[in-house]
Protein backbone atom coordinates (compact mmCIF):
# COMPACT_ATOMS: atom_id res chain seq x y z
CA MET A 1 0.09 0.16 0.02
CA THR A 2 1.39 3.59 -0.70
CA ASN A 3 0.02 7.23 0.45
CA GLU A 4 -0.13 8.49 -3.21
CA PRO A 5 -3.13 10.24 -4.00
CA GLY A 6 -5.46 8.45 -6.38
CA ILE A 7 -6.97 10.28 -9.49
CA ALA A 8 -10.01 11.64 -7.22
CA GLU A 9 -7.55 13.19 -5.06
CA LEU A 10 -5.63 15.11 -7.45
CA PRO A 11 -6.50 18.70 -7.99
CA THR A 12 -9.17 19.09 -10.95
CA ALA A 13 -10.33 21.58 -13.23
CA GLU A 14 -14.21 20.41 -15.05
CA ALA A 15 -12.82 22.40 -18.01
CA CYS A 16 -9.69 20.02 -18.57
CA VAL A 17 -12.01 17.22 -18.63
CA ARG A 18 -14.56 18.44 -21.13
CA ASN A 19 -12.12 19.88 -23.31
CA GLN A 20 -9.01 17.51 -23.62
CA ARG A 21 -10.40 15.08 -26.31
CA PRO A 22 -11.00 17.91 -28.63
CA ILE A 23 -7.58 19.51 -28.13
CA LEU A 24 -6.03 16.04 -28.27
CA ASP A 25 -7.57 16.04 -31.72
CA VAL A 26 -6.35 19.01 -32.80
CA LEU A 27 -2.92 18.80 -31.44
CA GLY A 28 -2.74 15.23 -33.19
CA LYS A 29 -3.73 16.90 -36.54
CA TYR A 30 -1.02 19.68 -36.39
CA ALA A 31 1.80 18.69 -33.86
CA PRO A 32 4.85 16.59 -35.10
CA ASP A 33 4.96 13.44 -33.58
CA ASN A 34 8.24 14.17 -31.68
CA ALA A 35 7.05 17.70 -31.00
CA PHE A 36 8.85 19.61 -27.91
CA ILE A 37 5.60 21.47 -26.59
CA LEU A 38 5.64 24.34 -24.27
CA GLU A 39 2.12 24.80 -22.45
CA LEU A 40 1.58 28.33 -21.05
CA GLY A 41 -0.85 28.31 -17.82
CA SER A 42 -0.77 24.89 -16.99
CA GLY A 43 -3.02 24.96 -14.80
CA THR A 44 -3.40 21.50 -12.57
CA GLY A 45 -1.41 19.72 -14.97
CA GLN A 46 -4.27 17.54 -16.72
CA HIS A 47 -3.70 18.52 -20.09
CA ALA A 48 -0.24 17.54 -19.83
CA ALA A 49 -1.01 14.06 -18.39
CA TYR A 50 -3.49 13.43 -20.83
CA MET A 51 -1.70 14.90 -23.92
CA THR A 52 1.53 12.64 -23.12
CA ALA A 53 -0.36 9.48 -22.46
CA ASN A 54 -2.24 9.88 -25.91
CA LEU A 55 0.40 11.25 -27.84
CA PRO A 56 3.74 9.01 -26.83
CA GLY A 57 6.26 10.55 -29.08
CA ILE A 58 6.02 14.34 -27.56
CA ARG A 59 7.55 15.96 -24.73
CA TRP A 60 5.35 18.53 -22.74
CA GLN A 61 6.62 21.18 -20.72
CA PRO A 62 4.21 22.63 -18.49
CA THR A 63 4.76 25.90 -17.07
CA GLU A 64 2.73 27.76 -14.39
CA LEU A 65 2.94 30.49 -11.60
CA LYS A 66 4.85 29.32 -8.47
CA GLU A 67 2.06 28.60 -6.28
CA ARG A 68 0.48 26.20 -8.80
CA LEU A 69 3.47 23.75 -9.55
CA ASP A 70 3.18 21.51 -6.90
CA ASP A 71 -0.87 20.57 -8.28
CA ILE A 72 0.92 19.91 -11.59
CA ARG A 73 4.09 17.89 -9.90
CA GLN A 74 1.01 15.58 -8.41
CA TRP A 75 -0.29 15.11 -11.66
CA ARG A 76 3.31 14.26 -13.27
CA LYS A 77 3.71 11.79 -10.65
CA HIS A 78 0.26 10.05 -11.01
CA ALA A 79 0.53 10.12 -15.02
CA ALA A 80 4.20 8.63 -15.10
CA GLN A 81 4.78 9.19 -18.48
CA LYS A 82 8.23 10.05 -20.12
CA GLY A 83 7.31 13.16 -21.89
CA PHE A 84 5.53 14.78 -19.05
CA LEU A 85 8.53 16.88 -17.82
CA ASP A 86 8.87 18.63 -14.42
CA PRO A 87 6.76 21.84 -14.40
CA LEU A 88 8.61 25.26 -14.40
CA GLU A 89 8.24 28.22 -12.98
CA LEU A 90 6.46 31.08 -15.81
CA ASN A 91 4.77 34.20 -15.51
CA VAL A 92 4.24 35.43 -19.27
CA GLU A 93 4.95 39.12 -18.30
CA GLN A 94 8.55 37.95 -17.77
CA ASP A 95 11.39 38.89 -20.27
CA ILE A 96 13.33 35.68 -20.08
CA TRP A 97 11.24 32.35 -20.06
CA PRO A 98 12.99 29.19 -18.69
CA ALA A 99 12.49 27.34 -21.79
CA ARG A 100 13.24 27.82 -25.45
CA ASP A 101 13.38 26.10 -29.12
CA ALA A 102 9.84 24.88 -28.78
CA ASP A 103 8.25 23.14 -31.68
CA VAL A 104 4.63 23.93 -30.36
CA VAL A 105 3.28 26.22 -27.76
CA PHE A 106 -0.16 25.75 -26.39
CA SER A 107 -1.75 27.72 -23.96
CA ALA A 108 -5.76 26.91 -23.21
CA ASN A 109 -7.98 29.57 -21.26
CA VAL A 110 -5.42 32.26 -20.87
CA VAL A 111 -5.91 34.90 -23.61
CA HIS A 112 -9.32 35.83 -21.91
CA PHE A 113 -8.21 35.63 -18.29
CA VAL A 114 -5.63 38.27 -18.45
CA SER A 115 -5.07 41.93 -20.10
CA TRP A 116 -4.65 43.09 -23.19
CA PRO A 117 -0.89 44.26 -22.15
CA GLU A 118 -0.52 40.75 -20.91
CA VAL A 119 -1.39 39.05 -24.09
CA GLU A 120 1.09 41.30 -25.82
CA LYS A 121 4.01 40.34 -23.63
CA MET A 122 3.13 36.78 -23.79
CA PHE A 123 3.08 36.79 -27.70
CA ARG A 124 6.46 38.64 -27.44
CA GLY A 125 7.85 35.95 -25.01
CA ILE A 126 6.60 33.05 -27.46
CA SER A 127 8.00 34.91 -30.53
CA ARG A 128 11.22 34.26 -28.77
CA VAL A 129 11.04 30.67 -27.45
CA LEU A 130 9.05 29.06 -30.52
CA LYS A 131 11.30 27.79 -33.29
CA ALA A 132 11.02 29.30 -36.97
CA GLY A 133 8.39 26.91 -38.62
CA GLY A 134 7.15 26.16 -35.03
CA LEU A 135 3.31 26.41 -34.13
CA LEU A 136 1.69 28.30 -31.58
CA LEU A 137 -2.10 26.95 -30.65
CA LEU A 138 -4.38 28.90 -28.66
CA TYR A 139 -7.57 27.43 -27.00
CA GLY A 140 -10.60 29.69 -25.92
CA PRO A 141 -13.31 31.74 -26.68
CA TYR A 142 -13.34 34.70 -29.26
CA ASN A 143 -15.20 37.70 -30.63
CA TYR A 144 -15.50 37.99 -34.28
CA ASP A 145 -16.40 41.34 -35.70
CA GLY A 146 -16.61 42.58 -31.99
CA GLN A 147 -19.59 40.27 -31.65
CA TYR A 148 -19.97 37.67 -28.90
CA THR A 149 -21.01 34.00 -30.56
CA SER A 150 -23.07 33.28 -27.66
CA GLN A 151 -24.91 33.83 -24.88
CA GLY A 152 -22.84 31.76 -22.69
CA ASN A 153 -19.47 33.69 -23.85
CA VAL A 154 -21.44 36.97 -23.01
CA ASP A 155 -21.99 35.37 -19.69
CA LEU A 156 -18.13 34.25 -19.12
CA ASP A 157 -17.16 37.94 -20.20
CA GLN A 158 -19.34 39.56 -17.44
CA TRP A 159 -17.89 37.14 -15.39
CA LEU A 160 -14.33 37.69 -16.25
CA ARG A 161 -14.77 41.55 -16.12
CA GLU A 162 -16.36 41.59 -12.42
CA ARG A 163 -13.15 39.48 -11.38
CA ASN A 164 -10.72 41.59 -13.29
CA PRO A 165 -11.85 44.50 -15.06
CA ASP A 166 -8.75 44.63 -17.39
CA SER A 167 -9.76 40.57 -18.55
CA GLY A 168 -12.33 39.72 -20.87
CA ILE A 169 -12.86 37.84 -24.03
CA LYS A 170 -10.37 39.40 -26.89
CA ASP A 171 -11.40 39.84 -30.42
CA PHE A 172 -10.22 37.53 -33.26
CA GLU A 173 -8.97 40.21 -35.55
CA GLN A 174 -7.00 42.14 -32.97
CA ILE A 175 -5.21 38.63 -31.96
CA LEU A 176 -4.21 38.26 -35.59
CA LEU A 177 -2.83 41.64 -36.17
CA LEU A 178 -0.84 41.10 -32.92
CA ALA A 179 0.46 37.86 -34.05
CA ARG A 180 1.50 39.33 -37.27
CA GLN A 181 3.84 41.76 -35.72
CA PHE A 182 5.79 38.78 -34.22
CA HIS A 183 5.91 36.79 -37.79
CA LEU A 184 3.07 34.28 -36.35
CA TYR A 185 0.49 33.81 -39.07
CA LEU A 186 -2.93 32.08 -38.99
CA ARG A 187 -2.69 28.68 -40.45
CA ALA A 188 -6.20 27.44 -39.01
CA ASP A 189 -9.12 28.30 -37.11
CA GLU A 190 -10.78 25.18 -35.75
CA GLU A 191 -14.17 24.76 -34.17
CA MET A 192 -14.03 23.55 -30.56
CA PRO A 193 -17.05 22.23 -28.49
CA ALA A 194 -18.77 24.84 -26.41
CA ASN A 195 -18.20 28.17 -28.36
CA ASN A 196 -14.32 27.84 -28.44
CA ARG A 197 -11.82 27.73 -30.92
CA THR A 198 -8.30 26.63 -31.12
CA LEU A 199 -6.39 29.36 -33.27
CA VAL A 200 -3.15 27.78 -35.17
CA PHE A 201 -0.47 29.87 -36.18
CA GLN A 202 2.92 29.33 -37.72
CA LYS A 203 5.97 31.39 -36.93
CA ALA A 204 7.89 32.40 -40.44
CA GLU A 205 10.83 30.47 -41.53
CA THR A 206 12.87 33.64 -41.47
CA GLY A 207 12.31 36.85 -39.15
CA GLU A 208 12.10 37.14 -35.65
């Protein structure tokens, strides 16, 4: 007998449970089989556990704020997947990031939780650590032509702004313009469940 927690005792985000299969399908479609994937805002670490179990050739580098790292380490110990790397501390606003040369940068449900200046700094950091030709996948809700795509997104945006007035659902068109400043160009806009999208960008082979 061991004192290790079972899956029921691990920190759990219900959103991860709901979206992990659709995200896996998109990653499987675009990510190289042996990709080094840098995840921004890994939360509990559930995505790292699920993706490395289903895409055994990848190396998945979780990152989070310092106070969340223990949650990820619990999932890493439980998952026992070779590709599930020890999490690194990262705030997307910092100038120097602890990982580089990523084939793929992935982030789920981060962009709408932070302010626009934080999104700008996030893209600047991504441009520095992503390989030329590498992919950026951003999962979450977006507005199109300045309009919400569902009542659920209206409610979510209201909740976000009550929690942090500088946060909120971002405009798809603004994200595209920002990405282009860092030589990241839209490759696909994948429809996801619950009025979410996965935006797939590719970094230019030359440039920053």
